[in-house]
Amino acid sequence: MIRILSTKKLQANQKQFLLNAGFAVVEADFIRVTYLPFQLQAVADNLIITSQNGVKALAQHPEVQDVRRKPVFCVGSKTADLLDEHGFTVQEIADSAQELAEVIVSDYADETFTFFSSTIRRNELPMALLEADVELNEIEVYETEPTPQKVGTFDGILFFSPSGVQSFLSANEITNEMCFCIGKTTATELEKTTANIVIANQPSVENTIIQAINYFKK
């Protein structure tokens, strides 16, 4: 039986995809997210949100109505769906932070932006905008903490963030396992360790799972 490790707890229907395919599934949260207190001050004309956690943190702010009508630039269709559920207006969607930066620099360089980010975030997007002289400020809205744990051996491992990769590797090694990544930035973090990588076609948990099923069923 194929053994799969998910580096975050899955929703019941997501896990069922793997069980229906005949896989044995182990789940463990390798990062912990904590929403931070923050002030909605000096918010620019446009918002940047690169994760669902960023949406959730902003949506629960008591003054969210002050910024809800500002256009949002986001990463991933799931993030966009969640923004829509909370009444935000999505202006642009990209599959990665790097691609989102390219869209902003190409088409919106004269606009101003506020990036709602994690305490741990990659530099590609802010650096790209800085280098292009796009006006950007940043508000940290959630904290990402590693929660590493030692696990056994698996046929496949599902990864959903660069910080999840870092947390996993701080307690484990990757040898022959096939790694399935939600996106390119997560894969980039893994490439330092292994070449056994499959990247999801769309940056979603479901598509990452589908890649694993397709790989082992072929």
N, C-alpha and C. Protein backbone atom coordinates (compact mmCIF):
# COMPACT_ATOMS: atom_id res chain seq x y z
N MET A 1 0.85 -1.21 0.00
CA MET A 1 0.00 0.00 0.00
C MET A 1 0.88 1.25 0.00
N ILE A 2 0.50 2.21 -0.84
CA ILE A 2 1.23 3.49 -0.91
C ILE A 2 0.97 4.29 0.37
N ARG A 3 2.05 4.77 0.99
CA ARG A 3 1.93 5.56 2.22
C ARG A 3 2.21 7.03 1.91
N ILE A 4 1.27 7.89 2.25
CA ILE A 4 1.36 9.33 1.97
C ILE A 4 1.38 10.11 3.28
N LEU A 5 2.29 11.07 3.38
CA LEU A 5 2.30 12.01 4.50
C LEU A 5 1.86 13.38 4.00
N SER A 6 0.87 13.96 4.67
CA SER A 6 0.51 15.35 4.41
C SER A 6 1.10 16.21 5.53
N THR A 7 1.84 17.26 5.14
CA THR A 7 2.51 18.10 6.14
C THR A 7 1.58 19.17 6.71
N LYS A 8 0.28 19.02 6.46
CA LYS A 8 -0.74 19.76 7.21
C LYS A 8 -1.99 18.93 7.27
N LYS A 9 -2.80 19.16 8.30
CA LYS A 9 -4.05 18.42 8.44
C LYS A 9 -4.98 18.76 7.27
N LEU A 10 -5.54 17.72 6.67
CA LEU A 10 -6.43 17.90 5.53
C LEU A 10 -7.88 17.97 5.98
N GLN A 11 -8.71 18.59 5.15
CA GLN A 11 -10.14 18.52 5.37
C GLN A 11 -10.60 17.09 5.06
N ALA A 12 -11.73 16.71 5.64
CA ALA A 12 -12.20 15.33 5.51
C ALA A 12 -12.35 14.90 4.06
N ASN A 13 -12.91 15.80 3.22
CA ASN A 13 -13.11 15.42 1.81
C ASN A 13 -11.79 15.32 1.06
N GLN A 14 -10.81 16.14 1.46
CA GLN A 14 -9.49 16.07 0.82
C GLN A 14 -8.80 14.74 1.15
N LYS A 15 -8.85 14.37 2.41
CA LYS A 15 -8.25 13.10 2.83
C LYS A 15 -8.94 11.92 2.14
N GLN A 16 -10.26 12.06 1.93
CA GLN A 16 -11.02 10.97 1.33
C GLN A 16 -10.56 10.67 -0.09
N PHE A 17 -10.12 11.70 -0.82
CA PHE A 17 -9.57 11.47 -2.17
C PHE A 17 -8.45 10.43 -2.12
N LEU A 18 -7.56 10.59 -1.15
CA LEU A 18 -6.42 9.69 -1.03
C LEU A 18 -6.84 8.31 -0.56
N LEU A 19 -7.76 8.27 0.39
CA LEU A 19 -8.25 6.97 0.89
C LEU A 19 -8.98 6.21 -0.22
N ASN A 20 -9.77 6.92 -1.01
CA ASN A 20 -10.49 6.27 -2.12
C ASN A 20 -9.54 5.70 -3.17
N ALA A 21 -8.35 6.30 -3.26
CA ALA A 21 -7.34 5.80 -4.20
C ALA A 21 -6.56 4.62 -3.63
N GLY A 22 -6.89 4.23 -2.39
CA GLY A 22 -6.25 3.08 -1.78
C GLY A 22 -4.97 3.38 -1.04
N PHE A 23 -4.72 4.66 -0.74
CA PHE A 23 -3.50 5.05 -0.05
C PHE A 23 -3.70 5.03 1.47
N ALA A 24 -2.63 4.79 2.19
CA ALA A 24 -2.60 5.00 3.64
C ALA A 24 -2.13 6.43 3.87
N VAL A 25 -2.84 7.18 4.71
CA VAL A 25 -2.59 8.60 4.87
C VAL A 25 -2.25 8.93 6.32
N VAL A 26 -1.15 9.67 6.50
CA VAL A 26 -0.79 10.23 7.81
C VAL A 26 -0.75 11.75 7.65
N GLU A 27 -1.34 12.47 8.62
CA GLU A 27 -1.37 13.93 8.57
C GLU A 27 -0.71 14.50 9.82
N ALA A 28 0.02 15.59 9.63
CA ALA A 28 0.63 16.29 10.77
C ALA A 28 0.86 17.74 10.37
N ASP A 29 0.53 18.65 11.27
CA ASP A 29 0.76 20.08 11.01
C ASP A 29 2.21 20.42 11.33
N PHE A 30 2.97 20.78 10.31
CA PHE A 30 4.38 21.13 10.50
C PHE A 30 4.59 22.63 10.71
N ILE A 31 3.52 23.40 10.60
CA ILE A 31 3.58 24.81 10.99
C ILE A 31 2.31 25.16 11.76
N ARG A 32 2.44 26.20 12.60
CA ARG A 32 1.31 26.71 13.37
C ARG A 32 1.12 28.17 13.00
N VAL A 33 -0.11 28.55 12.70
CA VAL A 33 -0.43 29.93 12.32
C VAL A 33 -1.18 30.61 13.46
N THR A 34 -0.70 31.79 13.86
CA THR A 34 -1.36 32.59 14.89
C THR A 34 -1.65 33.97 14.33
N TYR A 35 -2.90 34.40 14.41
CA TYR A 35 -3.26 35.73 13.90
C TYR A 35 -2.79 36.79 14.89
N LEU A 36 -2.25 37.87 14.38
CA LEU A 36 -1.64 38.92 15.19
C LEU A 36 -2.56 40.13 15.31
N PRO A 37 -2.46 40.89 16.38
CA PRO A 37 -3.12 42.20 16.42
C PRO A 37 -2.37 43.17 15.49
N PHE A 38 -3.09 43.97 14.74
CA PHE A 38 -2.44 44.93 13.84
C PHE A 38 -3.36 46.11 13.62
N GLN A 39 -2.77 47.22 13.16
CA GLN A 39 -3.52 48.44 12.91
C GLN A 39 -3.72 48.63 11.40
N LEU A 40 -4.92 49.04 11.02
CA LEU A 40 -5.18 49.35 9.61
C LEU A 40 -4.89 50.83 9.38
N GLN A 41 -3.61 51.15 9.41
CA GLN A 41 -3.16 52.53 9.22
C GLN A 41 -2.29 52.62 7.97
N ALA A 42 -2.39 53.74 7.26
CA ALA A 42 -1.60 54.00 6.06
C ALA A 42 -1.78 52.89 5.02
N VAL A 43 -3.02 52.39 4.91
CA VAL A 43 -3.30 51.35 3.91
C VAL A 43 -3.41 52.00 2.53
N ALA A 44 -2.69 51.44 1.58
CA ALA A 44 -2.62 52.01 0.23
C ALA A 44 -3.90 51.76 -0.55
N ASP A 45 -3.90 52.19 -1.81
CA ASP A 45 -5.10 52.08 -2.64
C ASP A 45 -5.42 50.64 -3.04
N ASN A 46 -4.40 49.78 -3.03
CA ASN A 46 -4.57 48.39 -3.44
C ASN A 46 -3.96 47.47 -2.38
N LEU A 47 -4.56 46.29 -2.24
CA LEU A 47 -4.12 45.32 -1.24
C LEU A 47 -3.47 44.12 -1.93
N ILE A 48 -2.44 43.56 -1.28
CA ILE A 48 -1.80 42.32 -1.74
C ILE A 48 -1.95 41.28 -0.64
N ILE A 49 -2.52 40.12 -1.01
CA ILE A 49 -2.68 39.01 -0.07
C ILE A 49 -2.27 37.73 -0.79
N THR A 50 -1.32 37.01 -0.22
CA THR A 50 -0.76 35.85 -0.93
C THR A 50 -1.18 34.51 -0.33
N SER A 51 -2.04 34.52 0.69
CA SER A 51 -2.47 33.26 1.29
C SER A 51 -3.86 33.40 1.90
N GLN A 52 -4.49 32.25 2.11
CA GLN A 52 -5.79 32.24 2.78
C GLN A 52 -5.67 32.72 4.22
N ASN A 53 -4.54 32.47 4.86
CA ASN A 53 -4.35 32.95 6.23
C ASN A 53 -4.36 34.47 6.28
N GLY A 54 -3.81 35.10 5.25
CA GLY A 54 -3.84 36.55 5.19
C GLY A 54 -5.26 37.08 5.08
N VAL A 55 -6.08 36.40 4.29
CA VAL A 55 -7.49 36.78 4.15
C VAL A 55 -8.21 36.66 5.49
N LYS A 56 -8.02 35.53 6.16
CA LYS A 56 -8.71 35.28 7.43
C LYS A 56 -8.30 36.31 8.48
N ALA A 57 -7.01 36.64 8.53
CA ALA A 57 -6.53 37.62 9.50
C ALA A 57 -7.15 38.99 9.26
N LEU A 58 -7.18 39.41 7.99
CA LEU A 58 -7.73 40.72 7.66
C LEU A 58 -9.24 40.75 7.86
N ALA A 59 -9.92 39.66 7.48
CA ALA A 59 -11.38 39.63 7.54
C ALA A 59 -11.91 39.75 8.96
N GLN A 60 -11.13 39.30 9.95
CA GLN A 60 -11.62 39.36 11.33
C GLN A 60 -11.24 40.67 12.03
N HIS A 61 -10.57 41.59 11.32
CA HIS A 61 -10.23 42.87 11.92
C HIS A 61 -11.49 43.71 12.10
N PRO A 62 -11.67 44.36 13.25
CA PRO A 62 -12.91 45.11 13.50
C PRO A 62 -13.13 46.28 12.55
N GLU A 63 -12.07 46.76 11.90
CA GLU A 63 -12.20 47.89 10.98
C GLU A 63 -12.06 47.46 9.52
N VAL A 64 -12.33 46.19 9.25
CA VAL A 64 -12.14 45.67 7.89
C VAL A 64 -12.99 46.43 6.86
N GLN A 65 -14.15 46.95 7.30
CA GLN A 65 -15.01 47.67 6.36
C GLN A 65 -14.29 48.87 5.73
N ASP A 66 -13.30 49.41 6.42
CA ASP A 66 -12.58 50.58 5.90
C ASP A 66 -11.76 50.25 4.66
N VAL A 67 -11.42 48.96 4.48
CA VAL A 67 -10.55 48.58 3.36
C VAL A 67 -11.19 47.56 2.43
N ARG A 68 -12.39 47.10 2.76
CA ARG A 68 -12.99 45.99 2.01
C ARG A 68 -13.21 46.31 0.53
N ARG A 69 -13.42 47.58 0.19
CA ARG A 69 -13.71 47.94 -1.20
C ARG A 69 -12.47 48.23 -2.03
N LYS A 70 -11.30 48.14 -1.41
CA LYS A 70 -10.07 48.36 -2.17
C LYS A 70 -9.77 47.13 -3.02
N PRO A 71 -9.27 47.30 -4.24
CA PRO A 71 -8.93 46.15 -5.09
C PRO A 71 -7.85 45.28 -4.43
N VAL A 72 -8.01 43.96 -4.59
CA VAL A 72 -7.05 43.02 -4.00
C VAL A 72 -6.32 42.25 -5.10
N PHE A 73 -5.01 42.14 -4.94
CA PHE A 73 -4.14 41.35 -5.81
C PHE A 73 -3.71 40.13 -5.00
N CYS A 74 -4.00 38.92 -5.49
CA CYS A 74 -3.81 37.75 -4.65
C CYS A 74 -3.13 36.60 -5.40
N VAL A 75 -2.69 35.62 -4.62
CA VAL A 75 -2.07 34.41 -5.15
C VAL A 75 -3.00 33.23 -4.89
N GLY A 76 -3.38 32.54 -5.97
CA GLY A 76 -4.15 31.31 -5.85
C GLY A 76 -5.66 31.50 -5.94
N SER A 77 -6.31 30.57 -6.61
CA SER A 77 -7.76 30.64 -6.79
C SER A 77 -8.50 30.45 -5.47
N LYS A 78 -7.94 29.64 -4.56
CA LYS A 78 -8.60 29.42 -3.27
C LYS A 78 -8.57 30.71 -2.44
N THR A 79 -7.45 31.43 -2.51
CA THR A 79 -7.36 32.72 -1.83
C THR A 79 -8.38 33.69 -2.42
N ALA A 80 -8.49 33.68 -3.75
CA ALA A 80 -9.46 34.55 -4.41
C ALA A 80 -10.89 34.20 -4.01
N ASP A 81 -11.19 32.90 -3.94
CA ASP A 81 -12.53 32.47 -3.54
C ASP A 81 -12.86 32.94 -2.12
N LEU A 82 -11.88 32.84 -1.23
CA LEU A 82 -12.10 33.25 0.15
C LEU A 82 -12.29 34.76 0.25
N LEU A 83 -11.52 35.51 -0.54
CA LEU A 83 -11.70 36.96 -0.59
C LEU A 83 -13.10 37.31 -1.04
N ASP A 84 -13.56 36.61 -2.06
CA ASP A 84 -14.91 36.86 -2.58
C ASP A 84 -15.97 36.56 -1.52
N GLU A 85 -15.78 35.47 -0.78
CA GLU A 85 -16.72 35.11 0.28
C GLU A 85 -16.83 36.22 1.34
N HIS A 86 -15.72 36.90 1.57
CA HIS A 86 -15.69 37.95 2.60
C HIS A 86 -15.99 39.34 2.03
N GLY A 87 -16.42 39.38 0.79
CA GLY A 87 -16.87 40.64 0.22
C GLY A 87 -15.81 41.54 -0.35
N PHE A 88 -14.61 41.01 -0.58
CA PHE A 88 -13.54 41.79 -1.21
C PHE A 88 -13.67 41.73 -2.73
N THR A 89 -13.05 42.70 -3.39
CA THR A 89 -13.02 42.73 -4.85
C THR A 89 -11.65 42.32 -5.34
N VAL A 90 -11.57 41.18 -6.01
CA VAL A 90 -10.28 40.68 -6.52
C VAL A 90 -9.99 41.31 -7.87
N GLN A 91 -8.86 41.97 -7.94
CA GLN A 91 -8.44 42.64 -9.18
C GLN A 91 -7.61 41.72 -10.07
N GLU A 92 -6.64 41.03 -9.46
CA GLU A 92 -5.77 40.13 -10.21
C GLU A 92 -5.48 38.88 -9.38
N ILE A 93 -5.37 37.74 -10.07
CA ILE A 93 -5.00 36.48 -9.45
C ILE A 93 -3.78 35.93 -10.19
N ALA A 94 -2.79 35.45 -9.46
CA ALA A 94 -1.64 34.79 -10.07
C ALA A 94 -1.39 33.47 -9.34
N ASP A 95 -0.62 32.59 -9.98
CA ASP A 95 -0.35 31.28 -9.39
C ASP A 95 0.80 31.33 -8.38
N SER A 96 1.59 32.40 -8.38
CA SER A 96 2.70 32.52 -7.44
C SER A 96 2.94 33.98 -7.13
N ALA A 97 3.65 34.24 -6.04
CA ALA A 97 4.00 35.61 -5.68
C ALA A 97 4.87 36.26 -6.75
N GLN A 98 5.77 35.47 -7.34
CA GLN A 98 6.64 36.00 -8.39
C GLN A 98 5.82 36.44 -9.60
N GLU A 99 4.85 35.61 -10.00
CA GLU A 99 4.00 35.97 -11.14
C GLU A 99 3.14 37.18 -10.83
N LEU A 100 2.67 37.28 -9.58
CA LEU A 100 1.86 38.43 -9.20
C LEU A 100 2.69 39.71 -9.27
N ALA A 101 3.93 39.63 -8.82
CA ALA A 101 4.83 40.79 -8.90
C ALA A 101 5.03 41.23 -10.34
N GLU A 102 5.16 40.27 -11.24
CA GLU A 102 5.36 40.59 -12.66
C GLU A 102 4.15 41.32 -13.23
N VAL A 103 2.94 40.87 -12.84
CA VAL A 103 1.72 41.53 -13.31
C VAL A 103 1.66 42.97 -12.79
N ILE A 104 1.97 43.15 -11.51
CA ILE A 104 1.91 44.49 -10.92
C ILE A 104 2.92 45.42 -11.57
N VAL A 105 4.14 44.95 -11.74
CA VAL A 105 5.18 45.78 -12.35
C VAL A 105 4.83 46.13 -13.79
N SER A 106 4.23 45.18 -14.50
CA SER A 106 3.89 45.39 -15.91
C SER A 106 2.71 46.33 -16.10
N ASP A 107 1.65 46.15 -15.27
CA ASP A 107 0.39 46.82 -15.56
C ASP A 107 -0.06 47.83 -14.51
N TYR A 108 0.57 47.82 -13.33
CA TYR A 108 0.08 48.67 -12.24
C TYR A 108 1.21 49.39 -11.50
N ALA A 109 2.29 49.66 -12.20
CA ALA A 109 3.49 50.20 -11.54
C ALA A 109 3.26 51.57 -10.92
N ASP A 110 2.26 52.31 -11.41
CA ASP A 110 1.99 53.65 -10.87
C ASP A 110 1.05 53.63 -9.66
N GLU A 111 0.55 52.46 -9.30
CA GLU A 111 -0.37 52.33 -8.18
C GLU A 111 0.40 52.17 -6.87
N THR A 112 -0.32 52.26 -5.73
CA THR A 112 0.27 52.03 -4.43
C THR A 112 -0.33 50.78 -3.80
N PHE A 113 0.46 50.06 -3.00
CA PHE A 113 0.06 48.75 -2.49
C PHE A 113 0.41 48.58 -1.02
N THR A 114 -0.46 47.85 -0.31
CA THR A 114 -0.16 47.37 1.04
C THR A 114 -0.21 45.85 1.02
N PHE A 115 0.86 45.23 1.49
CA PHE A 115 1.02 43.78 1.50
C PHE A 115 0.70 43.27 2.91
N PHE A 116 -0.36 42.45 3.04
CA PHE A 116 -0.72 41.83 4.32
C PHE A 116 -0.02 40.47 4.39
N SER A 117 1.00 40.37 5.25
CA SER A 117 1.93 39.24 5.16
C SER A 117 2.07 38.49 6.47
N SER A 118 2.84 37.41 6.41
CA SER A 118 3.23 36.64 7.58
C SER A 118 4.55 37.19 8.13
N THR A 119 4.82 36.84 9.39
CA THR A 119 6.12 37.19 9.96
C THR A 119 7.25 36.46 9.24
N ILE A 120 6.93 35.31 8.65
CA ILE A 120 7.88 34.61 7.78
C ILE A 120 7.32 34.68 6.37
N ARG A 121 7.99 35.41 5.52
CA ARG A 121 7.52 35.46 4.14
C ARG A 121 8.73 35.57 3.21
N ARG A 122 8.54 35.07 2.00
CA ARG A 122 9.63 35.10 1.03
C ARG A 122 9.77 36.51 0.47
N ASN A 123 10.94 36.78 -0.11
CA ASN A 123 11.28 38.14 -0.53
C ASN A 123 10.95 38.46 -1.98
N GLU A 124 10.57 37.46 -2.78
CA GLU A 124 10.45 37.69 -4.22
C GLU A 124 9.52 38.86 -4.56
N LEU A 125 8.32 38.86 -3.98
CA LEU A 125 7.34 39.89 -4.35
C LEU A 125 7.77 41.28 -3.87
N PRO A 126 8.05 41.48 -2.59
CA PRO A 126 8.44 42.84 -2.18
C PRO A 126 9.72 43.33 -2.85
N MET A 127 10.67 42.43 -3.08
CA MET A 127 11.92 42.85 -3.73
C MET A 127 11.67 43.27 -5.18
N ALA A 128 10.82 42.52 -5.87
CA ALA A 128 10.53 42.84 -7.28
C ALA A 128 9.84 44.20 -7.38
N LEU A 129 8.92 44.49 -6.46
CA LEU A 129 8.23 45.78 -6.50
C LEU A 129 9.19 46.91 -6.10
N LEU A 130 10.03 46.65 -5.11
CA LEU A 130 11.01 47.65 -4.68
C LEU A 130 11.95 48.02 -5.82
N GLU A 131 12.43 47.00 -6.52
CA GLU A 131 13.36 47.24 -7.62
C GLU A 131 12.71 48.00 -8.77
N ALA A 132 11.38 47.85 -8.90
CA ALA A 132 10.65 48.55 -9.97
C ALA A 132 10.08 49.89 -9.50
N ASP A 133 10.45 50.30 -8.27
CA ASP A 133 9.98 51.57 -7.70
C ASP A 133 8.47 51.63 -7.55
N VAL A 134 7.84 50.48 -7.32
CA VAL A 134 6.41 50.45 -7.01
C VAL A 134 6.24 50.74 -5.52
N GLU A 135 5.36 51.67 -5.19
CA GLU A 135 5.19 52.07 -3.79
C GLU A 135 4.49 50.96 -3.01
N LEU A 136 5.16 50.48 -1.95
CA LEU A 136 4.66 49.34 -1.19
C LEU A 136 4.95 49.53 0.29
N ASN A 137 3.94 49.26 1.14
CA ASN A 137 4.19 49.10 2.56
C ASN A 137 3.65 47.75 2.99
N GLU A 138 3.99 47.32 4.19
CA GLU A 138 3.70 45.96 4.62
C GLU A 138 3.12 45.95 6.03
N ILE A 139 2.10 45.12 6.23
CA ILE A 139 1.52 44.93 7.55
C ILE A 139 1.53 43.44 7.85
N GLU A 140 2.23 43.05 8.94
CA GLU A 140 2.27 41.65 9.34
C GLU A 140 0.97 41.31 10.09
N VAL A 141 0.24 40.33 9.58
CA VAL A 141 -1.08 40.02 10.15
C VAL A 141 -1.16 38.63 10.76
N TYR A 142 -0.17 37.77 10.48
CA TYR A 142 -0.16 36.47 11.15
C TYR A 142 1.28 35.97 11.29
N GLU A 143 1.43 35.12 12.29
CA GLU A 143 2.74 34.56 12.60
C GLU A 143 2.76 33.10 12.18
N THR A 144 3.84 32.70 11.54
CA THR A 144 4.02 31.31 11.13
C THR A 144 5.15 30.71 11.95
N GLU A 145 4.83 29.68 12.74
CA GLU A 145 5.84 29.04 13.58
C GLU A 145 6.04 27.59 13.14
N PRO A 146 7.29 27.16 13.02
CA PRO A 146 7.52 25.75 12.69
C PRO A 146 7.15 24.85 13.87
N THR A 147 6.56 23.70 13.56
CA THR A 147 6.25 22.69 14.58
C THR A 147 6.80 21.35 14.09
N PRO A 148 8.11 21.22 14.01
CA PRO A 148 8.71 20.00 13.44
C PRO A 148 8.46 18.78 14.32
N GLN A 149 8.39 17.63 13.69
CA GLN A 149 8.25 16.36 14.40
C GLN A 149 8.86 15.25 13.57
N LYS A 150 9.41 14.28 14.25
CA LYS A 150 10.05 13.16 13.58
C LYS A 150 8.98 12.19 13.08
N VAL A 151 9.07 11.81 11.81
CA VAL A 151 8.11 10.86 11.25
C VAL A 151 8.88 9.72 10.58
N GLY A 152 8.16 8.69 10.19
CA GLY A 152 8.78 7.54 9.55
C GLY A 152 8.99 7.76 8.06
N THR A 153 9.07 6.67 7.33
CA THR A 153 9.29 6.74 5.89
C THR A 153 7.96 6.60 5.15
N PHE A 154 7.88 7.30 4.02
CA PHE A 154 6.67 7.32 3.21
C PHE A 154 7.03 7.20 1.73
N ASP A 155 6.05 6.83 0.93
CA ASP A 155 6.26 6.81 -0.52
C ASP A 155 6.15 8.21 -1.10
N GLY A 156 5.24 9.01 -0.54
CA GLY A 156 5.03 10.37 -1.03
C GLY A 156 4.76 11.33 0.11
N ILE A 157 5.16 12.59 -0.10
CA ILE A 157 4.93 13.63 0.91
C ILE A 157 4.30 14.84 0.24
N LEU A 158 3.25 15.37 0.84
CA LEU A 158 2.57 16.56 0.33
C LEU A 158 3.07 17.79 1.08
N PHE A 159 3.54 18.79 0.33
CA PHE A 159 4.04 20.03 0.92
C PHE A 159 3.21 21.21 0.41
N PHE A 160 2.91 22.17 1.32
CA PHE A 160 2.00 23.25 0.98
C PHE A 160 2.59 24.65 1.20
N SER A 161 3.82 24.75 1.68
CA SER A 161 4.45 26.05 1.88
C SER A 161 5.95 25.87 2.07
N PRO A 162 6.74 26.90 1.73
CA PRO A 162 8.18 26.82 1.99
C PRO A 162 8.48 26.62 3.47
N SER A 163 7.71 27.27 4.36
CA SER A 163 7.96 27.12 5.79
C SER A 163 7.64 25.70 6.27
N GLY A 164 6.66 25.07 5.63
CA GLY A 164 6.37 23.67 5.94
C GLY A 164 7.51 22.75 5.54
N VAL A 165 8.12 23.06 4.40
CA VAL A 165 9.30 22.29 3.96
C VAL A 165 10.43 22.44 4.96
N GLN A 166 10.71 23.68 5.36
CA GLN A 166 11.79 23.94 6.31
C GLN A 166 11.55 23.23 7.63
N SER A 167 10.32 23.27 8.12
CA SER A 167 9.99 22.62 9.37
C SER A 167 10.19 21.11 9.26
N PHE A 168 9.72 20.52 8.18
CA PHE A 168 9.87 19.07 7.98
C PHE A 168 11.34 18.68 7.96
N LEU A 169 12.14 19.42 7.20
CA LEU A 169 13.55 19.06 7.02
C LEU A 169 14.37 19.30 8.28
N SER A 170 13.87 20.11 9.20
CA SER A 170 14.61 20.33 10.44
C SER A 170 14.59 19.10 11.34
N ALA A 171 13.67 18.17 11.07
CA ALA A 171 13.57 16.96 11.90
C ALA A 171 13.66 15.67 11.10
N ASN A 172 13.65 15.77 9.77
CA ASN A 172 13.62 14.57 8.91
C ASN A 172 14.50 14.76 7.69
N GLU A 173 14.83 13.64 7.06
CA GLU A 173 15.56 13.67 5.79
C GLU A 173 14.66 13.13 4.69
N ILE A 174 14.91 13.61 3.48
CA ILE A 174 14.23 13.07 2.31
C ILE A 174 15.22 12.21 1.54
N THR A 175 14.86 10.96 1.31
CA THR A 175 15.74 10.05 0.57
C THR A 175 15.12 9.74 -0.79
N ASN A 176 14.26 8.71 -0.82
CA ASN A 176 13.64 8.32 -2.09
C ASN A 176 12.19 8.76 -2.21
N GLU A 177 11.67 9.47 -1.21
CA GLU A 177 10.27 9.86 -1.25
C GLU A 177 9.99 10.81 -2.42
N MET A 178 8.83 10.65 -3.04
CA MET A 178 8.38 11.60 -4.06
C MET A 178 7.64 12.74 -3.36
N CYS A 179 8.00 13.96 -3.69
CA CYS A 179 7.45 15.14 -3.02
C CYS A 179 6.50 15.87 -3.96
N PHE A 180 5.32 16.19 -3.46
CA PHE A 180 4.28 16.87 -4.24
C PHE A 180 4.06 18.25 -3.63
N CYS A 181 4.24 19.29 -4.46
CA CYS A 181 4.27 20.67 -3.96
C CYS A 181 3.09 21.47 -4.51
N ILE A 182 2.53 22.33 -3.67
CA ILE A 182 1.38 23.14 -4.07
C ILE A 182 1.77 24.22 -5.08
N GLY A 183 3.04 24.61 -5.12
CA GLY A 183 3.45 25.67 -6.04
C GLY A 183 4.95 25.73 -6.21
N LYS A 184 5.39 26.67 -7.04
CA LYS A 184 6.80 26.77 -7.40
C LYS A 184 7.68 27.21 -6.24
N THR A 185 7.18 28.13 -5.40
CA THR A 185 8.03 28.61 -4.31
C THR A 185 8.27 27.49 -3.29
N THR A 186 7.27 26.66 -3.06
CA THR A 186 7.44 25.50 -2.18
C THR A 186 8.43 24.53 -2.80
N ALA A 187 8.32 24.31 -4.10
CA ALA A 187 9.25 23.40 -4.79
C ALA A 187 10.68 23.93 -4.75
N THR A 188 10.84 25.24 -4.87
CA THR A 188 12.17 25.84 -4.84
C THR A 188 12.87 25.53 -3.52
N GLU A 189 12.11 25.56 -2.44
CA GLU A 189 12.69 25.25 -1.13
C GLU A 189 13.13 23.80 -1.06
N LEU A 190 12.40 22.91 -1.73
CA LEU A 190 12.72 21.48 -1.72
C LEU A 190 13.88 21.13 -2.64
N GLU A 191 14.06 21.93 -3.69
CA GLU A 191 15.10 21.61 -4.69
C GLU A 191 16.50 21.60 -4.10
N LYS A 192 16.66 22.23 -2.94
CA LYS A 192 17.96 22.21 -2.26
C LYS A 192 18.28 20.81 -1.73
N THR A 193 17.25 19.96 -1.64
CA THR A 193 17.39 18.68 -0.97
C THR A 193 17.15 17.48 -1.88
N THR A 194 16.21 17.62 -2.82
CA THR A 194 15.82 16.48 -3.64
C THR A 194 15.39 16.94 -5.03
N ALA A 195 15.50 16.03 -5.98
CA ALA A 195 14.98 16.28 -7.33
C ALA A 195 13.66 15.56 -7.55
N ASN A 196 13.21 14.81 -6.56
CA ASN A 196 11.97 14.04 -6.68
C ASN A 196 10.77 14.94 -6.37
N ILE A 197 10.42 15.81 -7.31
CA ILE A 197 9.42 16.84 -7.06
C ILE A 197 8.39 16.87 -8.19
N VAL A 198 7.12 16.91 -7.82
CA VAL A 198 6.03 17.16 -8.75
C VAL A 198 5.28 18.39 -8.26
N ILE A 199 5.05 19.36 -9.15
CA ILE A 199 4.38 20.60 -8.78
C ILE A 199 2.94 20.57 -9.28
N ALA A 200 2.01 20.99 -8.43
CA ALA A 200 0.60 21.03 -8.81
C ALA A 200 0.36 21.96 -9.99
N ASN A 201 -0.61 21.61 -10.84
CA ASN A 201 -0.96 22.45 -11.98
C ASN A 201 -1.62 23.75 -11.54
N GLN A 202 -2.36 23.67 -10.44
CA GLN A 202 -3.01 24.82 -9.84
C GLN A 202 -2.62 24.85 -8.36
N PRO A 203 -2.41 26.04 -7.79
CA PRO A 203 -1.96 26.10 -6.40
C PRO A 203 -3.09 25.84 -5.40
N SER A 204 -3.50 24.58 -5.32
CA SER A 204 -4.56 24.20 -4.39
C SER A 204 -4.21 22.87 -3.75
N VAL A 205 -4.76 22.64 -2.56
CA VAL A 205 -4.55 21.37 -1.86
C VAL A 205 -5.08 20.22 -2.72
N GLU A 206 -6.26 20.44 -3.30
CA GLU A 206 -6.88 19.38 -4.10
C GLU A 206 -6.02 18.97 -5.28
N ASN A 207 -5.44 19.95 -5.97
CA ASN A 207 -4.63 19.61 -7.13
C ASN A 207 -3.32 18.94 -6.73
N THR A 208 -2.79 19.33 -5.58
CA THR A 208 -1.59 18.66 -5.07
C THR A 208 -1.89 17.19 -4.80
N ILE A 209 -3.05 16.92 -4.22
CA ILE A 209 -3.47 15.55 -3.96
C ILE A 209 -3.65 14.77 -5.26
N ILE A 210 -4.27 15.42 -6.25
CA ILE A 210 -4.50 14.77 -7.55
C ILE A 210 -3.17 14.37 -8.20
N GLN A 211 -2.16 15.24 -8.07
CA GLN A 211 -0.84 14.92 -8.64
C GLN A 211 -0.27 13.65 -8.00
N ALA A 212 -0.45 13.52 -6.70
CA ALA A 212 0.05 12.33 -6.00
C ALA A 212 -0.69 11.09 -6.47
N ILE A 213 -1.99 11.18 -6.58
CA ILE A 213 -2.79 10.03 -7.03
C ILE A 213 -2.39 9.63 -8.45
N ASN A 214 -2.29 10.62 -9.33
CA ASN A 214 -1.92 10.33 -10.72
C ASN A 214 -0.54 9.70 -10.81
N TYR A 215 0.38 10.20 -10.00
CA TYR A 215 1.76 9.70 -10.07
C TYR A 215 1.83 8.22 -9.68
N PHE A 216 1.20 7.87 -8.59
CA PHE A 216 1.31 6.49 -8.10
C PHE A 216 0.38 5.52 -8.80
N LYS A 217 -0.63 6.05 -9.51
CA LYS A 217 -1.58 5.18 -10.22
C LYS A 217 -1.18 4.94 -11.67
N LYS A 218 -0.18 5.70 -12.15
CA LYS A 218 0.15 5.57 -13.59
C LYS A 218 0.85 4.23 -13.87
